[in-house]
C-alpha cells in the first residue's frame, strides 16, 4: 500500500504550520504502507493542482491531507467536504473568494471513504483525544478535501481519501490572545501515525457513538 500524506505551509501570519511539521516527522513506512510526504500551499488554486499532480506522479492507494484548525483542542477527523469557498481571510496567493463553488460539475458534498470511526477509536485507545468533525470549514482545508474526493469520484475510483485537522502547537498558542488550546508536535505526529495504522488495517468501529446535536 502507498499513502500520500500532505500538510500545508504556514498561513495567516504564522511562521509554522503543525500540519506539515507533523507530516515531516512521520516514519517512511507505517505497518505495510509506504508513506509519501508532501507539503502543499495554502492556496485554493495551487493546492488543487499540487494534489492532482501528486496523485498522477505517485499513484497512491490513499490520499490523507492534514491541516491546522486553530482553536480546536483535539485531533478531528473530517467526515464531509462541501462544494463551497467562503474565505474569511486571504490565502497565501492573496485570493479571497466569497460564496464560490469549488467545482462547477461537482456534487454539493462528498463524504470520506476512510474508516474514520476506526481511526478515531485507534487514536483514543492510545490516550490522545480525537473526534469526528462534520465541518472542514470553508477555507483551503475544505477545498483540498473536496478536491481529493472529487477526483476520486470522477477519475480515481480505486483511491481512498480524507482529511485530519490538528490543533495549534504550544509555541503558536503562546503568542496569541486569548491563548487557544494546543497540542505538542510529538502527540500530533503520533495521532497521524495511529490514524494511518487504522487505515492500513481497515479498522472499523461501528459501535462508536458520534454526531452532534448542534
Protein backbone atom coordinates (compact mmCIF):
# COMPACT_ATOMS: atom_id res chain seq x y z
CA UNK A 1 0.00 0.00 0.00
CA UNK A 2 1.13 3.53 -0.80
CA UNK A 3 -0.21 6.51 1.18
CA UNK A 4 0.27 10.12 0.15
CA UNK A 5 0.19 12.39 3.21
CA UNK A 6 0.08 16.13 2.67
CA UNK A 7 0.46 19.09 5.02
CA UNK A 8 0.12 22.82 4.45
CA UNK A 9 2.72 25.56 4.61
CA UNK A 10 2.24 28.37 7.20
CA UNK A 11 -0.51 30.94 6.62
CA UNK A 12 -2.25 33.93 8.22
CA UNK A 13 0.95 35.42 9.70
CA UNK A 14 2.02 32.19 11.45
CA UNK A 15 5.61 31.16 10.80
CA UNK A 16 4.95 27.45 11.33
CA UNK A 17 2.14 25.06 10.45
CA UNK A 18 1.74 21.97 12.66
CA UNK A 19 0.25 20.07 9.73
CA UNK A 20 3.39 19.75 7.65
CA UNK A 21 5.69 19.81 10.69
CA UNK A 22 3.97 16.61 11.83
CA UNK A 23 3.91 15.09 8.36
CA UNK A 24 7.69 15.59 8.06
CA UNK A 25 8.24 13.57 11.24
CA UNK A 26 6.23 10.55 10.12
CA UNK A 27 8.17 7.34 9.51
CA UNK A 28 8.69 6.34 5.91
CA UNK A 29 6.75 3.13 6.49
CA UNK A 30 3.77 2.52 8.76
CA UNK A 31 2.72 -1.11 9.05
CA UNK A 32 2.97 -2.32 5.44
CA UNK A 33 2.39 1.08 3.88
CA UNK A 34 4.91 3.30 2.14
CA UNK A 35 4.45 6.91 3.28
CA UNK A 36 4.94 9.69 0.73
CA UNK A 37 5.13 13.16 2.30
CA UNK A 38 4.23 16.35 0.51
CA UNK A 39 3.99 20.00 1.51
CA UNK A 40 1.18 21.80 -0.28
CA UNK A 41 0.50 25.55 -0.49
CA UNK A 42 -2.28 27.23 1.44
CA UNK A 43 -3.72 28.35 -1.85
CA UNK A 44 -7.07 27.44 -3.35
CA UNK A 45 -5.73 27.14 -6.89
CA UNK A 46 -2.21 25.81 -6.35
CA UNK A 47 -3.24 23.19 -3.78
CA UNK A 48 -5.74 21.78 -6.29
CA UNK A 49 -3.01 21.45 -8.89
CA UNK A 50 -0.47 20.02 -6.42
CA UNK A 51 -2.83 17.29 -5.25
CA UNK A 52 -3.70 16.07 -8.75
CA UNK A 53 -0.08 16.19 -9.89
CA UNK A 54 0.97 14.15 -6.86
CA UNK A 55 -1.73 11.53 -7.47
CA UNK A 56 -0.61 11.21 -11.09
CA UNK A 57 3.06 11.00 -10.06
CA UNK A 58 2.85 8.56 -7.14
CA UNK A 59 -0.33 6.55 -7.86
CA UNK A 60 -1.20 6.25 -4.16
CA UNK A 61 -3.83 3.96 -2.70
CA UNK A 62 -4.78 6.60 -0.12
CA UNK A 63 -4.52 10.38 0.00
CA UNK A 64 -4.63 11.80 3.51
CA UNK A 65 -4.36 15.55 3.98
CA UNK A 66 -3.52 17.24 7.27
CA UNK A 67 -4.49 20.80 8.13
CA UNK A 68 -4.34 23.25 11.04
CA UNK A 69 -7.55 24.01 12.92
CA UNK A 70 -6.50 26.70 15.37
CA UNK A 71 -8.77 26.71 18.40
CA UNK A 72 -9.73 23.04 18.30
CA UNK A 73 -8.47 21.06 21.26
CA UNK A 74 -8.23 17.56 19.80
CA UNK A 75 -7.48 15.62 16.64
CA UNK A 76 -10.53 15.95 14.39
CA UNK A 77 -11.07 13.57 11.52
CA UNK A 78 -13.31 15.08 8.89
CA UNK A 79 -16.42 13.30 7.61
CA UNK A 80 -17.54 15.62 4.81
CA UNK A 81 -16.33 18.33 2.43
CA UNK A 82 -18.74 20.83 0.86
CA UNK A 83 -18.66 22.49 -2.55
CA UNK A 84 -18.24 25.99 -1.17
CA UNK A 85 -15.50 28.56 -0.62
CA UNK A 86 -16.23 31.36 1.83
CA UNK A 87 -12.79 32.73 2.67
CA UNK A 88 -12.72 34.69 5.92
CA UNK A 89 -9.07 35.53 5.22
CA UNK A 90 -6.90 35.60 2.12
CA UNK A 91 -4.99 32.52 1.05
CA UNK A 92 -1.23 32.69 0.52
CA UNK A 93 -1.75 34.00 -3.00
CA UNK A 94 -3.90 36.88 -1.77
CA UNK A 95 -7.10 35.29 -3.06
CA UNK A 96 -10.29 35.60 -1.01
CA UNK A 97 -13.24 34.04 -2.88
CA UNK A 98 -16.67 34.52 -1.34
CA UNK A 99 -19.72 32.30 -1.79
CA UNK A 100 -17.99 30.42 -4.60
CA UNK A 101 -18.30 26.79 -5.70
CA UNK A 102 -15.11 24.71 -5.79
CA UNK A 103 -16.10 22.58 -8.79
CA UNK A 104 -18.98 23.54 -11.08
CA UNK A 105 -19.57 19.90 -12.04
CA UNK A 106 -19.08 18.56 -8.51
CA UNK A 107 -21.63 17.29 -6.03
CA UNK A 108 -22.89 19.52 -3.23
CA UNK A 109 -20.78 17.48 -0.80
CA UNK A 110 -18.61 14.38 -0.69
CA UNK A 111 -18.12 12.02 2.24
CA UNK A 112 -14.75 10.47 3.01
CA UNK A 113 -14.38 6.77 2.24
CA UNK A 114 -11.84 6.19 5.02
CA UNK A 115 -12.73 4.15 8.16
CA UNK A 116 -12.93 7.27 10.29
CA UNK A 117 -14.66 5.72 13.30
CA UNK A 118 -11.91 3.12 13.48
CA UNK A 119 -9.31 5.86 13.10
CA UNK A 120 -10.79 7.87 15.98
CA UNK A 121 -11.04 4.82 18.21
CA UNK A 122 -7.46 3.78 17.48
CA UNK A 123 -6.16 7.23 18.38
CA UNK A 124 -8.22 7.39 21.57
CA UNK A 125 -7.10 3.91 22.62
CA UNK A 126 -3.59 5.36 22.70
CA UNK A 127 -4.63 8.19 25.05
CA UNK A 128 -4.82 11.02 22.51
CA UNK A 129 -8.09 12.98 22.30
CA UNK A 130 -9.82 12.61 18.94
CA UNK A 131 -13.29 13.07 17.48
CA UNK A 132 -15.12 13.05 14.16
CA UNK A 133 -15.78 16.50 12.74
CA UNK A 134 -18.71 17.31 10.48
CA UNK A 135 -17.34 20.56 9.11
CA UNK A 136 -13.96 21.10 7.49
CA UNK A 137 -14.67 24.83 7.29
CA UNK A 138 -14.91 26.88 4.10
CA UNK A 139 -11.23 27.75 3.62
CA UNK A 140 -8.40 25.88 1.87
CA UNK A 141 -8.64 22.78 4.10
CA UNK A 142 -12.19 22.08 2.99
CA UNK A 143 -11.22 22.90 -0.59
CA UNK A 144 -8.38 20.37 -0.55
CA UNK A 145 -10.55 17.66 0.97
CA UNK A 146 -13.28 18.39 -1.54
CA UNK A 147 -10.87 18.27 -4.47
CA UNK A 148 -9.44 14.94 -3.31
CA UNK A 149 -12.89 13.39 -3.05
CA UNK A 150 -13.99 15.00 -6.32
CA UNK A 151 -11.01 13.43 -8.11
CA UNK A 152 -11.76 10.07 -6.51
CA UNK A 153 -15.38 10.32 -7.66
CA UNK A 154 -14.57 11.47 -11.19
CA UNK A 155 -11.24 9.90 -12.05
CA UNK A 156 -9.51 7.74 -9.43
CA UNK A 157 -12.22 5.36 -8.25
CA UNK A 158 -9.87 2.93 -6.52
CA UNK A 159 -8.32 5.53 -4.21
CA UNK A 160 -9.43 6.38 -0.69
CA UNK A 161 -9.11 9.88 0.67
CA UNK A 162 -9.77 12.07 3.67
CA UNK A 163 -8.66 14.88 5.92
CA UNK A 164 -7.47 15.37 9.51
CA UNK A 165 -7.43 18.68 11.36
CA UNK A 166 -4.88 19.24 14.13
CA UNK A 167 -4.62 21.93 16.85
CA UNK A 168 -2.09 24.73 17.21
CA UNK A 169 1.36 23.92 18.53
CA UNK A 170 2.13 25.32 22.03
CA UNK A 171 4.55 27.87 20.58
CA UNK A 172 1.79 29.20 18.34
CA UNK A 173 -0.76 29.34 21.13
CA UNK A 174 1.63 31.12 23.49
CA UNK A 175 1.74 34.28 21.38
CA UNK A 176 -1.99 34.52 20.74
CA UNK A 177 -4.52 36.38 22.88
CA UNK A 178 -6.61 34.84 24.26
CA UNK A 179 -4.47 31.70 24.43
CA UNK A 180 -6.17 28.88 22.49
CA UNK A 181 -5.86 25.13 23.01
CA UNK A 182 -2.75 23.44 21.68
CA UNK A 183 -1.08 20.05 21.35
CA UNK A 184 2.58 19.03 21.21
CA UNK A 185 4.12 18.20 17.85
CA UNK A 186 5.05 14.71 19.04
CA UNK A 187 1.45 13.99 20.03
CA UNK A 188 0.10 15.34 16.74
CA UNK A 189 2.58 13.23 14.80
CA UNK A 190 1.72 10.13 16.83
CA UNK A 191 -2.00 10.67 16.23
CA UNK A 192 -1.47 10.81 12.46
CA UNK A 193 0.63 7.65 12.60
CA UNK A 194 -2.15 5.90 14.54
CA UNK A 195 -4.76 7.12 12.06
CA UNK A 196 -2.69 5.67 9.23
CA UNK A 197 -2.33 2.38 11.11
CA UNK A 198 -6.12 2.19 11.30
CA UNK A 199 -6.37 2.88 7.56
CA UNK A 200 -3.84 0.16 6.71
CA UNK A 201 -5.63 -2.31 9.00
CA UNK A 202 -9.03 -1.11 7.71
CA UNK A 203 -10.03 -0.88 11.34
CA UNK A 204 -13.78 -0.49 11.79
CA UNK A 205 -15.72 0.62 14.86
CA UNK A 206 -19.44 0.72 14.19
CA UNK A 207 -20.17 0.98 17.91
CA UNK A 208 -18.52 4.38 18.26
CA UNK A 209 -21.16 6.97 19.15
CA UNK A 210 -20.52 10.20 17.29
CA UNK A 211 -22.61 13.03 15.90
CA UNK A 212 -23.56 16.46 17.18
CA UNK A 213 -26.77 17.99 18.49
CA UNK A 214 -25.98 21.45 17.13
